[in-house]
Amino acid sequence: MNKILADRLVAMAAHDLETRERLAEDGSLFDGYNPQMQGVHEANARELDAIIADIGWPTAQIAGDDGAEAAWLIAQHAIGLPQFQRKCLALLKCAVAAGQAPAWQMAMMIDRIHTYEGRRQVYGTSLDWDDGGQLCGSACKKDPVSGVIGV
């Protein structure tokens, strides 16, 4: 495992989550795509993309469990970069097929992409707030494999 890479990925994800928490506390996170949040997402995505170009998808074998999960979170949060998310999904699918990434990460990435493209979710993992302030999922079609992959 590459500890320097793991620490880098974990720090990027922590910066994302810290920014999200700060913006949620002051309410500005919920007024469209906050420019500060977008900046963090895009900067993290550029850095992850450079890592991917160098070593491929950072699996747990390469970046440790925490680093690999941080890489997934960075890709998952890159909502303004759909091509990047699709690229990450393709790499995640290969990693899952090789037993090097948990299938739930792939499932959540598929649902995230579908949600932002206005398509039906496959696994029903993506929730959002409706106009009435209620937490709900978009219309979803549950795949029979959902239970098998842990979602």
Protein backbone atom coordinates (compact mmCIF):
# COMPACT_ATOMS: atom_id res chain seq x y z
CA MET A 1 0.00 0.00 0.00
CA ASN A 2 1.13 3.52 -0.82
CA LYS A 3 0.65 5.46 2.43
CA ILE A 4 1.46 8.82 0.84
CA LEU A 5 -1.26 8.27 -1.77
CA ALA A 6 -3.72 7.05 0.87
CA ASP A 7 -3.09 10.11 3.04
CA ARG A 8 -3.48 12.41 0.01
CA LEU A 9 -6.84 10.87 -0.96
CA VAL A 10 -8.12 10.89 2.62
CA ALA A 11 -7.14 14.57 3.01
CA MET A 12 -8.97 15.46 -0.22
CA ALA A 13 -12.13 13.67 0.93
CA ALA A 14 -11.88 15.26 4.39
CA HIS A 15 -11.64 18.71 2.79
CA ASP A 16 -14.79 17.91 0.78
CA LEU A 17 -16.70 16.80 3.87
CA GLU A 18 -15.47 19.70 6.00
CA THR A 19 -16.52 22.19 3.32
CA ARG A 20 -19.88 20.47 3.00
CA GLU A 21 -20.44 20.61 6.78
CA ARG A 22 -19.49 24.31 7.00
CA LEU A 23 -21.78 25.24 4.10
CA ALA A 24 -24.61 23.13 5.52
CA GLU A 25 -24.30 24.88 8.88
CA ASP A 26 -24.76 28.32 7.33
CA GLY A 27 -27.47 27.08 4.94
CA SER A 28 -25.65 28.03 1.74
CA LEU A 29 -25.15 24.41 0.69
CA PHE A 30 -28.85 24.06 -0.06
CA ASP A 31 -29.24 27.04 -2.40
CA GLY A 32 -28.25 25.47 -5.73
CA TYR A 33 -24.77 24.12 -6.39
CA ASN A 34 -22.70 26.25 -4.05
CA PRO A 35 -19.66 27.70 -5.89
CA GLN A 36 -17.30 26.84 -3.00
CA MET A 37 -18.51 23.24 -2.95
CA GLN A 38 -18.26 23.06 -6.72
CA GLY A 39 -14.68 24.37 -6.53
CA VAL A 40 -13.71 21.67 -4.03
CA HIS A 41 -15.38 18.96 -6.11
CA GLU A 42 -13.68 20.08 -9.31
CA ALA A 43 -10.24 20.48 -7.72
CA ASN A 44 -10.51 17.04 -6.11
CA ALA A 45 -11.67 15.51 -9.40
CA ARG A 46 -8.70 17.02 -11.27
CA GLU A 47 -6.32 15.61 -8.68
CA LEU A 48 -7.99 12.18 -8.71
CA ASP A 49 -7.91 12.21 -12.51
CA ALA A 50 -4.14 12.81 -12.38
CA ILE A 51 -3.77 9.93 -9.92
CA ILE A 52 -5.83 7.68 -12.20
CA ALA A 53 -3.68 8.65 -15.19
CA ASP A 54 -0.61 7.63 -13.18
CA ILE A 55 -1.69 4.43 -11.43
CA GLY A 56 -5.24 3.56 -12.49
CA TRP A 57 -8.13 3.29 -10.05
CA PRO A 58 -6.80 3.53 -6.47
CA THR A 59 -7.98 0.24 -5.04
CA ALA A 60 -7.52 -0.82 -1.42
CA GLN A 61 -4.47 -2.83 -2.48
CA ILE A 62 -2.88 0.40 -3.76
CA ALA A 63 -4.28 3.08 -1.43
CA GLY A 64 -5.57 1.13 1.56
CA ASP A 65 -9.23 0.84 2.53
CA ASP A 66 -9.54 4.47 3.60
CA GLY A 67 -7.77 5.80 0.51
CA ALA A 68 -9.86 3.69 -1.83
CA GLU A 69 -13.09 4.80 -0.19
CA ALA A 70 -11.90 8.43 -0.34
CA ALA A 71 -11.28 8.04 -4.09
CA TRP A 72 -14.82 6.73 -4.53
CA LEU A 73 -16.26 9.64 -2.50
CA ILE A 74 -14.35 12.16 -4.61
CA ALA A 75 -15.69 10.61 -7.82
CA GLN A 76 -19.19 10.33 -6.34
CA HIS A 77 -19.21 14.03 -5.44
CA ALA A 78 -17.94 15.25 -8.83
CA ILE A 79 -21.53 15.95 -9.88
CA GLY A 80 -20.62 18.74 -12.29
CA LEU A 81 -18.27 16.47 -14.23
CA PRO A 82 -20.40 13.67 -15.70
CA GLN A 83 -17.72 12.47 -18.14
CA PHE A 84 -15.30 12.10 -15.25
CA GLN A 85 -17.89 10.18 -13.24
CA ARG A 86 -18.49 7.84 -16.18
CA LYS A 87 -14.74 7.29 -16.51
CA CYS A 88 -14.53 6.45 -12.80
CA LEU A 89 -17.54 4.14 -13.08
CA ALA A 90 -15.85 2.18 -15.88
CA LEU A 91 -12.76 1.77 -13.69
CA LEU A 92 -14.87 0.83 -10.67
CA LYS A 93 -16.69 -1.82 -12.68
CA CYS A 94 -13.35 -3.39 -13.60
CA ALA A 95 -12.14 -3.20 -10.00
CA VAL A 96 -15.36 -4.80 -8.72
CA ALA A 97 -15.13 -7.57 -11.33
CA ALA A 98 -11.54 -8.23 -10.20
CA GLY A 99 -12.60 -8.33 -6.53
CA GLN A 100 -10.62 -5.16 -5.79
CA ALA A 101 -13.49 -2.80 -4.90
CA PRO A 102 -16.79 -3.30 -3.10
CA ALA A 103 -19.82 -3.58 -5.36
CA TRP A 104 -21.77 -1.04 -3.30
CA GLN A 105 -19.44 1.69 -4.57
CA MET A 106 -20.24 0.78 -8.16
CA ALA A 107 -23.96 0.62 -7.38
CA MET A 108 -23.98 4.03 -5.75
CA MET A 109 -22.01 5.54 -8.64
CA ILE A 110 -24.46 4.08 -11.17
CA ASP A 111 -27.42 5.51 -9.25
CA ARG A 112 -25.72 8.89 -8.83
CA ILE A 113 -25.07 9.17 -12.56
CA HIS A 114 -28.60 8.04 -13.41
CA THR A 115 -30.10 10.53 -10.95
CA TYR A 116 -28.19 13.50 -12.34
CA GLU A 117 -29.05 12.44 -15.89
CA GLY A 118 -32.74 12.27 -14.99
CA ARG A 119 -32.85 8.50 -15.48
CA ARG A 120 -34.27 5.84 -13.20
CA GLN A 121 -31.96 4.46 -10.56
CA VAL A 122 -30.97 0.83 -10.77
CA TYR A 123 -30.31 0.19 -7.06
CA GLY A 124 -32.30 2.95 -5.34
CA THR A 125 -29.32 4.30 -3.39
CA SER A 126 -29.62 8.02 -4.16
CA LEU A 127 -31.92 10.13 -1.99
CA ASP A 128 -32.77 13.83 -2.16
CA TRP A 129 -35.17 16.36 -0.67
CA ASP A 130 -38.43 17.00 -2.51
CA ASP A 131 -40.12 20.41 -2.82
CA GLY A 132 -42.06 19.69 0.37
CA GLY A 133 -38.88 19.12 2.38
CA GLN A 134 -39.29 15.35 2.56
CA LEU A 135 -36.43 12.93 1.98
CA CYS A 136 -37.22 10.70 -0.97
CA GLY A 137 -35.63 8.65 -3.72
CA SER A 138 -36.11 9.29 -7.37
CA ALA A 139 -38.24 6.75 -9.19
CA CYS A 140 -36.14 3.65 -9.07
CA LYS A 141 -36.15 0.16 -10.42
CA LYS A 142 -34.53 -2.17 -7.94
CA ASP A 143 -32.28 -4.75 -9.51
CA PRO A 144 -32.50 -8.24 -7.96
CA VAL A 145 -28.76 -8.11 -7.38
CA SER A 146 -29.14 -5.18 -4.91
CA GLY A 147 -29.15 -7.45 -1.86
CA VAL A 148 -26.21 -9.41 -3.19
CA ILE A 149 -24.00 -6.32 -3.44
CA GLY A 150 -24.95 -4.92 -0.06
CA VAL A 151 -27.32 -2.08 -0.94
